[in-house]
Amino acid sequence: QVQLVESGGGLVQAGGSLRLSCATSGSTFAITSNGWYRQAPGKQRELVASINRGGRLTVADSVKGRFTIDRDNAKNTVYLQMNSLKPEDTAVYYCNVETDYRLQFRTYWGQGTQVTVSS
């Protein structure tokens, strides 16, 4: 089991910045990737960015050059730095981890944090 606690969402004006944090605990040794997803009203949940155990990054085209994902292994925390925010970035952002323990694959989600970007 892995527990995820998100923080850092809020209201910001267009062009501003926010930093989301996702602290993990429990069986963190089994984590194979950490990611951030978002879901806007009426839309499907989409991948924003992810980082795997080896450090390989995946970043959505819509946020490339503006958002950065990084991980502090000592703190078991993953961050999403969001710069140059746009109104279309408004969504609930979810932290995600994938785990592999003896070939038992599981996905865990955070509770979600609201990000609202005003124009």
PDB file of N, CA and C in Angstrom:
ATOM      1  N   GLN A   1       0.834  -1.195   0.000  1.00  0.00           N
ATOM      2  CA  GLN A   1       0.000   0.000   0.000  1.00  0.00           C
ATOM      3  C   GLN A   1       0.869   1.245   0.000  1.00  0.00           C
ATOM      4  N   VAL A   2       0.433   2.207  -0.783  1.00  0.00           N
ATOM      5  CA  VAL A   2       1.111   3.502  -0.826  1.00  0.00           C
ATOM      6  C   VAL A   2       0.078   4.581  -0.542  1.00  0.00           C
ATOM      7  N   GLN A   3       0.422   5.504   0.305  1.00  0.00           N
ATOM      8  CA  GLN A   3      -0.441   6.638   0.590  1.00  0.00           C
ATOM      9  C   GLN A   3       0.137   7.884  -0.074  1.00  0.00           C
ATOM     10  N   LEU A   4      -0.749   8.716  -0.599  1.00  0.00           N
ATOM     11  CA  LEU A   4      -0.341   9.938  -1.284  1.00  0.00           C
ATOM     12  C   LEU A   4      -1.085  11.122  -0.675  1.00  0.00           C
ATOM     13  N   VAL A   5      -0.343  12.176  -0.398  1.00  0.00           N
ATOM     14  CA  VAL A   5      -0.941  13.404   0.118  1.00  0.00           C
ATOM     15  C   VAL A   5      -0.478  14.559  -0.749  1.00  0.00           C
ATOM     16  N   GLU A   6      -1.439  15.208  -1.372  1.00  0.00           N
ATOM     17  CA  GLU A   6      -1.135  16.308  -2.274  1.00  0.00           C
ATOM     18  C   GLU A   6      -1.301  17.648  -1.560  1.00  0.00           C
ATOM     19  N   SER A   7      -0.589  18.634  -2.047  1.00  0.00           N
ATOM     20  CA  SER A   7      -0.749  19.987  -1.549  1.00  0.00           C
ATOM     21  C   SER A   7      -0.270  20.971  -2.610  1.00  0.00           C
ATOM     22  N   GLY A   8      -0.678  22.225  -2.465  1.00  0.00           N
ATOM     23  CA  GLY A   8      -0.136  23.276  -3.306  1.00  0.00           C
ATOM     24  C   GLY A   8      -1.075  23.875  -4.324  1.00  0.00           C
ATOM     25  N   GLY A   9      -2.281  23.372  -4.438  1.00  0.00           N
ATOM     26  CA  GLY A   9      -3.207  23.954  -5.403  1.00  0.00           C
ATOM     27  C   GLY A   9      -3.705  25.304  -4.931  1.00  0.00           C
ATOM     28  N   GLY A  10      -4.487  25.962  -5.788  1.00  0.00           N
ATOM     29  CA  GLY A  10      -5.050  27.252  -5.415  1.00  0.00           C
ATOM     30  C   GLY A  10      -5.476  28.054  -6.605  1.00  0.00           C
ATOM     31  N   LEU A  11      -5.711  29.333  -6.353  1.00  0.00           N
ATOM     32  CA  LEU A  11      -6.151  30.273  -7.385  1.00  0.00           C
ATOM     33  C   LEU A  11      -4.980  31.180  -7.750  1.00  0.00           C
ATOM     34  N   VAL A  12      -4.744  31.326  -9.039  1.00  0.00           N
ATOM     35  CA  VAL A  12      -3.639  32.151  -9.508  1.00  0.00           C
ATOM     36  C   VAL A  12      -4.057  32.862 -10.784  1.00  0.00           C
ATOM     37  N   GLN A  13      -3.482  34.008 -11.026  1.00  0.00           N
ATOM     38  CA  GLN A  13      -3.777  34.719 -12.273  1.00  0.00           C
ATOM     39  C   GLN A  13      -2.964  34.135 -13.415  1.00  0.00           C
ATOM     40  N   ALA A  14      -3.474  34.326 -14.607  1.00  0.00           N
ATOM     41  CA  ALA A  14      -2.764  33.860 -15.799  1.00  0.00           C
ATOM     42  C   ALA A  14      -1.351  34.446 -15.822  1.00  0.00           C
ATOM     43  N   GLY A  15      -0.393  33.586 -16.172  1.00  0.00           N
ATOM     44  CA  GLY A  15       1.000  33.993 -16.169  1.00  0.00           C
ATOM     45  C   GLY A  15       1.714  33.694 -14.872  1.00  0.00           C
ATOM     46  N   GLY A  16       0.958  33.344 -13.847  1.00  0.00           N
ATOM     47  CA  GLY A  16       1.538  33.048 -12.550  1.00  0.00           C
ATOM     48  C   GLY A  16       2.069  31.631 -12.449  1.00  0.00           C
ATOM     49  N   SER A  17       2.507  31.295 -11.239  1.00  0.00           N
ATOM     50  CA  SER A  17       3.115  29.980 -10.992  1.00  0.00           C
ATOM     51  C   SER A  17       2.526  29.332  -9.747  1.00  0.00           C
ATOM     52  N   LEU A  18       2.541  28.022  -9.755  1.00  0.00           N
ATOM     53  CA  LEU A  18       2.179  27.226  -8.585  1.00  0.00           C
ATOM     54  C   LEU A  18       3.095  26.009  -8.546  1.00  0.00           C
ATOM     55  N   ARG A  19       3.283  25.498  -7.359  1.00  0.00           N
ATOM     56  CA  ARG A  19       4.055  24.269  -7.202  1.00  0.00           C
ATOM     57  C   ARG A  19       3.231  23.272  -6.409  1.00  0.00           C
ATOM     58  N   LEU A  20       2.971  22.139  -7.031  1.00  0.00           N
ATOM     59  CA  LEU A  20       2.237  21.071  -6.369  1.00  0.00           C
ATOM     60  C   LEU A  20       3.222  20.074  -5.773  1.00  0.00           C
ATOM     61  N   SER A  21       2.830  19.511  -4.631  1.00  0.00           N
ATOM     62  CA  SER A  21       3.648  18.499  -3.974  1.00  0.00           C
ATOM     63  C   SER A  21       2.821  17.248  -3.754  1.00  0.00           C
ATOM     64  N   CYS A  22       3.475  16.117  -3.838  1.00  0.00           N
ATOM     65  CA  CYS A  22       2.827  14.834  -3.579  1.00  0.00           C
ATOM     66  C   CYS A  22       3.769  14.016  -2.703  1.00  0.00           C
ATOM     67  N   ALA A  23       3.414  13.919  -1.432  1.00  0.00           N
ATOM     68  CA  ALA A  23       4.218  13.153  -0.492  1.00  0.00           C
ATOM     69  C   ALA A  23       3.697  11.730  -0.435  1.00  0.00           C
ATOM     70  N   THR A  24       4.591  10.780  -0.587  1.00  0.00           N
ATOM     71  CA  THR A  24       4.195   9.378  -0.562  1.00  0.00           C
ATOM     72  C   THR A  24       4.745   8.698   0.693  1.00  0.00           C
ATOM     73  N   SER A  25       4.044   7.684   1.137  1.00  0.00           N
ATOM     74  CA  SER A  25       4.473   6.902   2.292  1.00  0.00           C
ATOM     75  C   SER A  25       3.972   5.475   2.121  1.00  0.00           C
ATOM     76  N   GLY A  26       4.458   4.606   2.969  1.00  0.00           N
ATOM     77  CA  GLY A  26       4.090   3.201   2.863  1.00  0.00           C
ATOM     78  C   GLY A  26       5.136   2.446   2.058  1.00  0.00           C
ATOM     79  N   SER A  27       4.687   1.626   1.153  1.00  0.00           N
ATOM     80  CA  SER A  27       5.585   0.768   0.361  1.00  0.00           C
ATOM     81  C   SER A  27       6.197   1.521  -0.817  1.00  0.00           C
ATOM     82  N   THR A  28       6.892   2.593  -0.501  1.00  0.00           N
ATOM     83  CA  THR A  28       7.451   3.441  -1.566  1.00  0.00           C
ATOM     84  C   THR A  28       8.544   2.722  -2.357  1.00  0.00           C
ATOM     85  N   PHE A  29       9.133   1.674  -1.790  1.00  0.00           N
ATOM     86  CA  PHE A  29      10.172   0.935  -2.502  1.00  0.00           C
ATOM     87  C   PHE A  29       9.620   0.274  -3.767  1.00  0.00           C
ATOM     88  N   ALA A  30       8.313   0.078  -3.804  1.00  0.00           N
ATOM     89  CA  ALA A  30       7.688  -0.602  -4.944  1.00  0.00           C
ATOM     90  C   ALA A  30       7.269   0.344  -6.063  1.00  0.00           C
ATOM     91  N   ILE A  31       7.475   1.632  -5.858  1.00  0.00           N
ATOM     92  CA  ILE A  31       7.033   2.612  -6.864  1.00  0.00           C
ATOM     93  C   ILE A  31       7.902   2.522  -8.113  1.00  0.00           C
ATOM     94  N   THR A  32       7.257   2.404  -9.254  1.00  0.00           N
ATOM     95  CA  THR A  32       7.973   2.358 -10.527  1.00  0.00           C
ATOM     96  C   THR A  32       7.851   3.664 -11.298  1.00  0.00           C
ATOM     97  N   SER A  33       6.806   4.416 -11.012  1.00  0.00           N
ATOM     98  CA  SER A  33       6.683   5.733 -11.646  1.00  0.00           C
ATOM     99  C   SER A  33       5.787   6.629 -10.811  1.00  0.00           C
ATOM    100  N   ASN A  34       6.055   7.922 -10.916  1.00  0.00           N
ATOM    101  CA  ASN A  34       5.240   8.955 -10.284  1.00  0.00           C
ATOM    102  C   ASN A  34       4.716   9.864 -11.385  1.00  0.00           C
ATOM    103  N   GLY A  35       3.469  10.283 -11.221  1.00  0.00           N
ATOM    104  CA  GLY A  35       2.923  11.142 -12.260  1.00  0.00           C
ATOM    105  C   GLY A  35       1.916  12.134 -11.720  1.00  0.00           C
ATOM    106  N   TRP A  36       1.631  13.095 -12.567  1.00  0.00           N
ATOM    107  CA  TRP A  36       0.568  14.058 -12.320  1.00  0.00           C
ATOM    108  C   TRP A  36      -0.419  13.997 -13.475  1.00  0.00           C
ATOM    109  N   TYR A  37      -1.680  13.920 -13.127  1.00  0.00           N
ATOM    110  CA  TYR A  37      -2.773  13.949 -14.091  1.00  0.00           C
ATOM    111  C   TYR A  37      -3.676  15.131 -13.743  1.00  0.00           C
ATOM    112  N   ARG A  38      -4.500  15.502 -14.683  1.00  0.00           N
ATOM    113  CA  ARG A  38      -5.485  16.535 -14.403  1.00  0.00           C
ATOM    114  C   ARG A  38      -6.793  16.231 -15.097  1.00  0.00           C
ATOM    115  N   GLN A  39      -7.848  16.778 -14.520  1.00  0.00           N
ATOM    116  CA  GLN A  39      -9.173  16.587 -15.103  1.00  0.00           C
ATOM    117  C   GLN A  39      -9.952  17.886 -14.997  1.00  0.00           C
ATOM    118  N   ALA A  40     -10.271  18.431 -16.138  1.00  0.00           N
ATOM    119  CA  ALA A  40     -11.074  19.643 -16.201  1.00  0.00           C
ATOM    120  C   ALA A  40     -12.549  19.259 -16.290  1.00  0.00           C
ATOM    121  N   PRO A  41     -13.450  20.140 -15.926  1.00  0.00           N
ATOM    122  CA  PRO A  41     -14.881  19.818 -15.980  1.00  0.00           C
ATOM    123  C   PRO A  41     -15.303  19.386 -17.377  1.00  0.00           C
ATOM    124  N   GLY A  42     -15.988  18.258 -17.433  1.00  0.00           N
ATOM    125  CA  GLY A  42     -16.495  17.756 -18.702  1.00  0.00           C
ATOM    126  C   GLY A  42     -15.466  17.094 -19.591  1.00  0.00           C
ATOM    127  N   LYS A  43     -14.240  16.945 -19.073  1.00  0.00           N
ATOM    128  CA  LYS A  43     -13.186  16.340 -19.878  1.00  0.00           C
ATOM    129  C   LYS A  43     -12.632  15.100 -19.184  1.00  0.00           C
ATOM    130  N   GLN A  44     -11.944  14.290 -19.968  1.00  0.00           N
ATOM    131  CA  GLN A  44     -11.328  13.101 -19.402  1.00  0.00           C
ATOM    132  C   GLN A  44     -10.044  13.459 -18.651  1.00  0.00           C
ATOM    133  N   ARG A  45      -9.703  12.619 -17.718  1.00  0.00           N
ATOM    134  CA  ARG A  45      -8.442  12.803 -17.006  1.00  0.00           C
ATOM    135  C   ARG A  45      -7.300  12.572 -17.988  1.00  0.00           C
ATOM    136  N   GLU A  46      -6.293  13.445 -17.920  1.00  0.00           N
ATOM    137  CA  GLU A  46      -5.184  13.342 -18.850  1.00  0.00           C
ATOM    138  C   GLU A  46      -3.853  13.414 -18.110  1.00  0.00           C
ATOM    139  N   LEU A  47      -2.854  12.784 -18.685  1.00  0.00           N
ATOM    140  CA  LEU A  47      -1.517  12.832 -18.125  1.00  0.00           C
ATOM    141  C   LEU A  47      -0.918  14.218 -18.349  1.00  0.00           C
ATOM    142  N   VAL A  48      -0.338  14.754 -17.292  1.00  0.00           N
ATOM    143  CA  VAL A  48       0.386  16.017 -17.405  1.00  0.00           C
ATOM    144  C   VAL A  48       1.886  15.742 -17.519  1.00  0.00           C
ATOM    145  N   ALA A  49       2.401  14.963 -16.591  1.00  0.00           N
ATOM    146  CA  ALA A  49       3.821  14.639 -16.601  1.00  0.00           C
ATOM    147  C   ALA A  49       4.063  13.441 -15.703  1.00  0.00           C
ATOM    148  N   SER A  50       5.109  12.696 -16.015  1.00  0.00           N
ATOM    149  CA  SER A  50       5.473  11.558 -15.185  1.00  0.00           C
ATOM    150  C   SER A  50       6.974  11.380 -15.199  1.00  0.00           C
ATOM    151  N   ILE A  51       7.450  10.687 -14.168  1.00  0.00           N
ATOM    152  CA  ILE A  51       8.869  10.355 -14.075  1.00  0.00           C
ATOM    153  C   ILE A  51       8.954   8.922 -13.580  1.00  0.00           C
ATOM    154  N   ASN A  52       9.732   8.103 -14.275  1.00  0.00           N
ATOM    155  CA  ASN A  52       9.792   6.711 -13.860  1.00  0.00           C
ATOM    156  C   ASN A  52      10.986   6.475 -12.929  1.00  0.00           C
ATOM    157  N   ARG A  53      11.119   5.251 -12.504  1.00  0.00           N
ATOM    158  CA  ARG A  53      12.153   4.922 -11.520  1.00  0.00           C
ATOM    159  C   ARG A  53      13.540   5.291 -12.017  1.00  0.00           C
ATOM    160  N   GLY A  54      13.728   5.149 -13.326  1.00  0.00           N
ATOM    161  CA  GLY A  54      15.024   5.458 -13.903  1.00  0.00           C
ATOM    162  C   GLY A  54      15.239   6.934 -14.195  1.00  0.00           C
ATOM    163  N   GLY A  55      14.207   7.734 -13.936  1.00  0.00           N
ATOM    164  CA  GLY A  55      14.336   9.164 -14.167  1.00  0.00           C
ATOM    165  C   GLY A  55      13.846   9.633 -15.521  1.00  0.00           C
ATOM    166  N   ARG A  56      13.291   8.726 -16.307  1.00  0.00           N
ATOM    167  CA  ARG A  56      12.792   9.140 -17.620  1.00  0.00           C
ATOM    168  C   ARG A  56      11.515   9.961 -17.449  1.00  0.00           C
ATOM    169  N   LEU A  57      11.470  11.057 -18.197  1.00  0.00           N
ATOM    170  CA  LEU A  57      10.350  11.975 -18.099  1.00  0.00           C
ATOM    171  C   LEU A  57       9.403  11.828 -19.278  1.00  0.00           C
ATOM    172  N   THR A  58       8.128  12.008 -18.989  1.00  0.00           N
ATOM    173  CA  THR A  58       7.107  12.134 -20.022  1.00  0.00           C
ATOM    174  C   THR A  58       6.321  13.393 -19.691  1.00  0.00           C
ATOM    175  N   VAL A  59       6.188  14.283 -20.663  1.00  0.00           N
ATOM    176  CA  VAL A  59       5.505  15.554 -20.445  1.00  0.00           C
ATOM    177  C   VAL A  59       4.525  15.794 -21.579  1.00  0.00           C
ATOM    178  N   ALA A  60       3.310  16.162 -21.236  1.00  0.00           N
ATOM    179  CA  ALA A  60       2.300  16.443 -22.248  1.00  0.00           C
ATOM    180  C   ALA A  60       2.709  17.650 -23.091  1.00  0.00           C
ATOM    181  N   ASP A  61       2.387  17.586 -24.368  1.00  0.00           N
ATOM    182  CA  ASP A  61       2.744  18.682 -25.270  1.00  0.00           C
ATOM    183  C   ASP A  61       2.159  20.012 -24.808  1.00  0.00           C
ATOM    184  N   SER A  62       0.979  19.947 -24.228  1.00  0.00           N
ATOM    185  CA  SER A  62       0.282  21.176 -23.845  1.00  0.00           C
ATOM    186  C   SER A  62       0.982  21.944 -22.719  1.00  0.00           C
ATOM    187  N   VAL A  63       1.885  21.276 -22.009  1.00  0.00           N
ATOM    188  CA  VAL A  63       2.555  21.945 -20.889  1.00  0.00           C
ATOM    189  C   VAL A  63       4.074  21.980 -21.046  1.00  0.00           C
ATOM    190  N   LYS A  64       4.580  21.439 -22.125  1.00  0.00           N
ATOM    191  CA  LYS A  64       6.033  21.436 -22.328  1.00  0.00           C
ATOM    192  C   LYS A  64       6.583  22.854 -22.326  1.00  0.00           C
ATOM    193  N   GLY A  65       7.698  22.996 -21.630  1.00  0.00           N
ATOM    194  CA  GLY A  65       8.308  24.316 -21.531  1.00  0.00           C
ATOM    195  C   GLY A  65       7.727  25.171 -20.427  1.00  0.00           C
ATOM    196  N   ARG A  66       6.621  24.739 -19.835  1.00  0.00           N
ATOM    197  CA  ARG A  66       5.989  25.510 -18.754  1.00  0.00           C
ATOM    198  C   ARG A  66       5.954  24.735 -17.437  1.00  0.00           C
ATOM    199  N   PHE A  67       5.733  23.437 -17.517  1.00  0.00           N
ATOM    200  CA  PHE A  67       5.633  22.610 -16.314  1.00  0.00           C
ATOM    201  C   PHE A  67       6.863  21.706 -16.207  1.00  0.00           C
ATOM    202  N   THR A  68       7.280  21.467 -14.971  1.00  0.00           N
ATOM    203  CA  THR A  68       8.415  20.592 -14.719  1.00  0.00           C
ATOM    204  C   THR A  68       8.063  19.642 -13.584  1.00  0.00           C
ATOM    205  N   ILE A  69       8.368  18.368 -13.787  1.00  0.00           N
ATOM    206  CA  ILE A  69       8.175  17.380 -12.728  1.00  0.00           C
ATOM    207  C   ILE A  69       9.548  17.000 -12.197  1.00  0.00           C
ATOM    208  N   ASP A  70       9.646  16.901 -10.890  1.00  0.00           N
ATOM    209  CA  ASP A  70      10.877  16.386 -10.314  1.00  0.00           C
ATOM    210  C   ASP A  70      10.571  15.669  -9.007  1.00  0.00           C
ATOM    211  N   ARG A  71      11.567  14.962  -8.533  1.00  0.00           N
ATOM    212  CA  ARG A  71      11.352  14.045  -7.411  1.00  0.00           C
ATOM    213  C   ARG A  71      12.482  14.197  -6.406  1.00  0.00           C
ATOM    214  N   ASP A  72      12.132  14.230  -5.148  1.00  0.00           N
ATOM    215  CA  ASP A  72      13.101  14.226  -4.064  1.00  0.00           C
ATOM    216  C   ASP A  72      13.016  12.854  -3.408  1.00  0.00           C
ATOM    217  N   ASN A  73      13.954  11.987  -3.724  1.00  0.00           N
ATOM    218  CA  ASN A  73      13.877  10.616  -3.226  1.00  0.00           C
ATOM    219  C   ASN A  73      14.034  10.554  -1.703  1.00  0.00           C
ATOM    220  N   ALA A  74      14.821  11.451  -1.151  1.00  0.00           N
ATOM    221  CA  ALA A  74      15.022  11.444   0.296  1.00  0.00           C
ATOM    222  C   ALA A  74      13.733  11.764   1.047  1.00  0.00           C
ATOM    223  N   LYS A  75      12.889  12.568   0.422  1.00  0.00           N
ATOM    224  CA  LYS A  75      11.627  12.956   1.052  1.00  0.00           C
ATOM    225  C   LYS A  75      10.435  12.172   0.519  1.00  0.00           C
ATOM    226  N   ASN A  76      10.694  11.277  -0.430  1.00  0.00           N
ATOM    227  CA  ASN A  76       9.594  10.528  -1.069  1.00  0.00           C
ATOM    228  C   ASN A  76       8.495  11.469  -1.553  1.00  0.00           C
ATOM    229  N   THR A  77       8.918  12.525  -2.180  1.00  0.00           N
ATOM    230  CA  THR A  77       7.982  13.557  -2.623  1.00  0.00           C
ATOM    231  C   THR A  77       8.250  13.902  -4.076  1.00  0.00           C
ATOM    232  N   VAL A  78       7.175  14.084  -4.807  1.00  0.00           N
ATOM    233  CA  VAL A  78       7.260  14.490  -6.204  1.00  0.00           C
ATOM    234  C   VAL A  78       6.604  15.851  -6.338  1.00  0.00           C
ATOM    235  N   TYR A  79       7.200  16.685  -7.181  1.00  0.00           N
ATOM    236  CA  TYR A  79       6.716  18.047  -7.346  1.00  0.00           C
ATOM    237  C   TYR A  79       6.302  18.301  -8.786  1.00  0.00           C
ATOM    238  N   LEU A  80       5.372  19.195  -8.949  1.00  0.00           N
ATOM    239  CA  LEU A  80       5.023  19.688 -10.277  1.00  0.00           C
ATOM    240  C   LEU A  80       5.103  21.207 -10.216  1.00  0.00           C
ATOM    241  N   GLN A  81       6.137  21.738 -10.839  1.00  0.00           N
ATOM    242  CA  GLN A  81       6.307  23.186 -10.916  1.00  0.00           C
ATOM    243  C   GLN A  81       5.584  23.677 -12.153  1.00  0.00           C
ATOM    244  N   MET A  82       4.647  24.568 -11.957  1.00  0.00           N
ATOM    245  CA  MET A  82       3.819  25.053 -13.063  1.00  0.00           C
ATOM    246  C   MET A  82       4.051  26.546 -13.219  1.00  0.00           C
ATOM    247  N   ASN A  83       4.607  26.918 -14.359  1.00  0.00           N
ATOM    248  CA  ASN A  83       4.884  28.320 -14.666  1.00  0.00           C
ATOM    249  C   ASN A  83       4.054  28.763 -15.873  1.00  0.00           C
ATOM    250  N   SER A  84       3.949  30.043 -16.030  1.00  0.00           N
ATOM    251  CA  SER A  84       3.217  30.616 -17.168  1.00  0.00           C
ATOM    252  C   SER A  84       1.834  29.984 -17.303  1.00  0.00           C
ATOM    253  N   LEU A  85       1.146  29.914 -16.212  1.00  0.00           N
ATOM    254  CA  LEU A  85      -0.154  29.241 -16.195  1.00  0.00           C
ATOM    255  C   LEU A  85      -1.165  29.962 -17.079  1.00  0.00           C
ATOM    256  N   LYS A  86      -2.020  29.158 -17.683  1.00  0.00           N
ATOM    257  CA  LYS A  86      -3.069  29.657 -18.573  1.00  0.00           C
ATOM    258  C   LYS A  86      -4.435  29.239 -18.023  1.00  0.00           C
ATOM    259  N   PRO A  87      -5.482  29.955 -18.388  1.00  0.00           N
ATOM    260  CA  PRO A  87      -6.820  29.556 -17.924  1.00  0.00           C
ATOM    261  C   PRO A  87      -7.168  28.104 -18.279  1.00  0.00           C
ATOM    262  N   GLU A  88      -6.661  27.638 -19.411  1.00  0.00           N
ATOM    263  CA  GLU A  88      -6.960  26.260 -19.805  1.00  0.00           C
ATOM    264  C   GLU A  88      -6.241  25.221 -18.955  1.00  0.00           C
ATOM    265  N   ASP A  89      -5.372  25.664 -18.075  1.00  0.00           N
ATOM    266  CA  ASP A  89      -4.746  24.745 -17.125  1.00  0.00           C
ATOM    267  C   ASP A  89      -5.636  24.488 -15.913  1.00  0.00           C
ATOM    268  N   THR A  90      -6.734  25.194 -15.826  1.00  0.00           N
ATOM    269  CA  THR A  90      -7.655  25.009 -14.713  1.00  0.00           C
ATOM    270  C   THR A  90      -8.196  23.585 -14.705  1.00  0.00           C
ATOM    271  N   ALA A  91      -8.037  22.913 -13.582  1.00  0.00           N
ATOM    272  CA  ALA A  91      -8.453  21.513 -13.462  1.00  0.00           C
ATOM    273  C   ALA A  91      -8.192  21.043 -12.034  1.00  0.00           C
ATOM    274  N   VAL A  92      -8.684  19.859 -11.743  1.00  0.00           N
ATOM    275  CA  VAL A  92      -8.263  19.163 -10.529  1.00  0.00           C
ATOM    276  C   VAL A  92      -7.039  18.329 -10.909  1.00  0.00           C
ATOM    277  N   TYR A  93      -5.981  18.498 -10.150  1.00  0.00           N
ATOM    278  CA  TYR A  93      -4.737  17.794 -10.422  1.00  0.00           C
ATOM    279  C   TYR A  93      -4.589  16.637  -9.438  1.00  0.00           C
ATOM    280  N   TYR A  94      -4.263  15.480  -9.997  1.00  0.00           N
ATOM    281  CA  TYR A  94      -4.146  14.266  -9.209  1.00  0.00           C
ATOM    282  C   TYR A  94      -2.727  13.719  -9.276  1.00  0.00           C
ATOM    283  N   CYS A  95      -2.218  13.363  -8.138  1.00  0.00           N
ATOM    284  CA  CYS A  95      -0.942  12.666  -8.055  1.00  0.00           C
ATOM    285  C   CYS A  95      -1.201  11.173  -8.271  1.00  0.00           C
ATOM    286  N   ASN A  96      -0.268  10.517  -8.890  1.00  0.00           N
ATOM    287  CA  ASN A  96      -0.433   9.110  -9.247  1.00  0.00           C
ATOM    288  C   ASN A  96       0.877   8.366  -9.045  1.00  0.00           C
ATOM    289  N   VAL A  97       0.802   7.138  -8.570  1.00  0.00           N
ATOM    290  CA  VAL A  97       1.977   6.282  -8.567  1.00  0.00           C
ATOM    291  C   VAL A  97       1.586   4.913  -9.104  1.00  0.00           C
ATOM    292  N   GLU A  98       2.543   4.309  -9.771  1.00  0.00           N
ATOM    293  CA  GLU A  98       2.423   2.932 -10.222  1.00  0.00           C
ATOM    294  C   GLU A  98       3.418   2.119  -9.409  1.00  0.00           C
ATOM    295  N   THR A  99       2.971   0.938  -8.960  1.00  0.00           N
ATOM    296  CA  THR A  99       3.866   0.098  -8.178  1.00  0.00           C
ATOM    297  C   THR A  99       3.966  -1.293  -8.789  1.00  0.00           C
ATOM    298  N   ASP A 100       5.071  -1.924  -8.515  1.00  0.00           N
ATOM    299  CA  ASP A 100       5.310  -3.299  -8.942  1.00  0.00           C
ATOM    300  C   ASP A 100       5.963  -4.012  -7.765  1.00  0.00           C
ATOM    301  N   TYR A 101       5.234  -4.904  -7.171  1.00  0.00           N
ATOM    302  CA  TYR A 101       5.772  -5.692  -6.065  1.00  0.00           C
ATOM    303  C   TYR A 101       5.566  -7.147  -6.407  1.00  0.00           C
ATOM    304  N   ARG A 102       6.663  -7.808  -6.717  1.00  0.00           N
ATOM    305  CA  ARG A 102       6.602  -9.228  -7.104  1.00  0.00           C
ATOM    306  C   ARG A 102       5.583  -9.427  -8.221  1.00  0.00           C
ATOM    307  N   LEU A 103       5.669  -8.574  -9.224  1.00  0.00           N
ATOM    308  CA  LEU A 103       4.824  -8.626 -10.417  1.00  0.00           C
ATOM    309  C   LEU A 103       3.348  -8.369 -10.116  1.00  0.00           C
ATOM    310  N   GLN A 104       3.058  -7.815  -8.960  1.00  0.00           N
ATOM    311  CA  GLN A 104       1.709  -7.343  -8.655  1.00  0.00           C
ATOM    312  C   GLN A 104       1.695  -5.839  -8.944  1.00  0.00           C
ATOM    313  N   PHE A 105       0.980  -5.473  -9.995  1.00  0.00           N
ATOM    314  CA  PHE A 105       0.991  -4.086 -10.441  1.00  0.00           C
ATOM    315  C   PHE A 105      -0.239  -3.371  -9.901  1.00  0.00           C
ATOM    316  N   ARG A 106      -0.017  -2.195  -9.328  1.00  0.00           N
ATOM    317  CA  ARG A 106      -1.120  -1.412  -8.777  1.00  0.00           C
ATOM    318  C   ARG A 106      -0.938   0.069  -9.091  1.00  0.00           C
ATOM    319  N   THR A 107      -2.058   0.748  -9.071  1.00  0.00           N
ATOM    320  CA  THR A 107      -2.075   2.194  -9.281  1.00  0.00           C
ATOM    321  C   THR A 107      -2.737   2.854  -8.087  1.00  0.00           C
ATOM    322  N   TYR A 108      -2.125   3.927  -7.620  1.00  0.00           N
ATOM    323  CA  TYR A 108      -2.675   4.679  -6.499  1.00  0.00           C
ATOM    324  C   TYR A 108      -2.858   6.135  -6.922  1.00  0.00           C
ATOM    325  N   TRP A 109      -3.895   6.752  -6.350  1.00  0.00           N
ATOM    326  CA  TRP A 109      -4.213   8.144  -6.673  1.00  0.00           C
ATOM    327  C   TRP A 109      -4.296   8.985  -5.406  1.00  0.00           C
ATOM    328  N   GLY A 110      -3.886  10.226  -5.553  1.00  0.00           N
ATOM    329  CA  GLY A 110      -4.093  11.183  -4.489  1.00  0.00           C
ATOM    330  C   GLY A 110      -5.527  11.681  -4.496  1.00  0.00           C
ATOM    331  N   GLN A 111      -5.840  12.534  -3.537  1.00  0.00           N
ATOM    332  CA  GLN A 111      -7.216  13.008  -3.385  1.00  0.00           C
ATOM    333  C   GLN A 111      -7.568  14.115  -4.374  1.00  0.00           C
ATOM    334  N   GLY A 112      -6.583  14.667  -5.016  1.00  0.00           N
ATOM    335  CA  GLY A 112      -6.813  15.740  -5.977  1.00  0.00           C
ATOM    336  C   GLY A 112      -6.707  17.110  -5.334  1.00  0.00           C
ATOM    337  N   THR A 113      -6.169  18.043  -6.096  1.00  0.00           N
ATOM    338  CA  THR A 113      -6.079  19.423  -5.618  1.00  0.00           C
ATOM    339  C   THR A 113      -6.499  20.357  -6.759  1.00  0.00           C
ATOM    340  N   GLN A 114      -7.324  21.326  -6.420  1.00  0.00           N
ATOM    341  CA  GLN A 114      -7.874  22.226  -7.434  1.00  0.00           C
ATOM    342  C   GLN A 114      -6.864  23.305  -7.798  1.00  0.00           C
ATOM    343  N   VAL A 115      -6.683  23.482  -9.084  1.00  0.00           N
ATOM    344  CA  VAL A 115      -5.893  24.592  -9.619  1.00  0.00           C
ATOM    345  C   VAL A 115      -6.816  25.427 -10.495  1.00  0.00           C
ATOM    346  N   THR A 116      -6.942  26.685 -10.167  1.00  0.00           N
ATOM    347  CA  THR A 116      -7.783  27.589 -10.931  1.00  0.00           C
ATOM    348  C   THR A 116      -6.953  28.767 -11.412  1.00  0.00           C
ATOM    349  N   VAL A 117      -6.965  28.980 -12.719  1.00  0.00           N
ATOM    350  CA  VAL A 117      -6.202  30.068 -13.312  1.00  0.00           C
ATOM    351  C   VAL A 117      -7.181  31.082 -13.888  1.00  0.00           C
ATOM    352  N   SER A 118      -7.142  32.286 -13.372  1.00  0.00           N
ATOM    353  CA  SER A 118      -8.063  33.329 -13.825  1.00  0.00           C
ATOM    354  C   SER A 118      -7.416  34.151 -14.940  1.00  0.00           C
ATOM    355  N   SER A 119      -8.243  34.617 -15.828  1.00  0.00           N
ATOM    356  CA  SER A 119      -7.734  35.398 -16.973  1.00  0.00           C
ATOM    357  C   SER A 119      -7.660  36.877 -16.642  1.00  0.00           C
TER     358      SER A 119
END
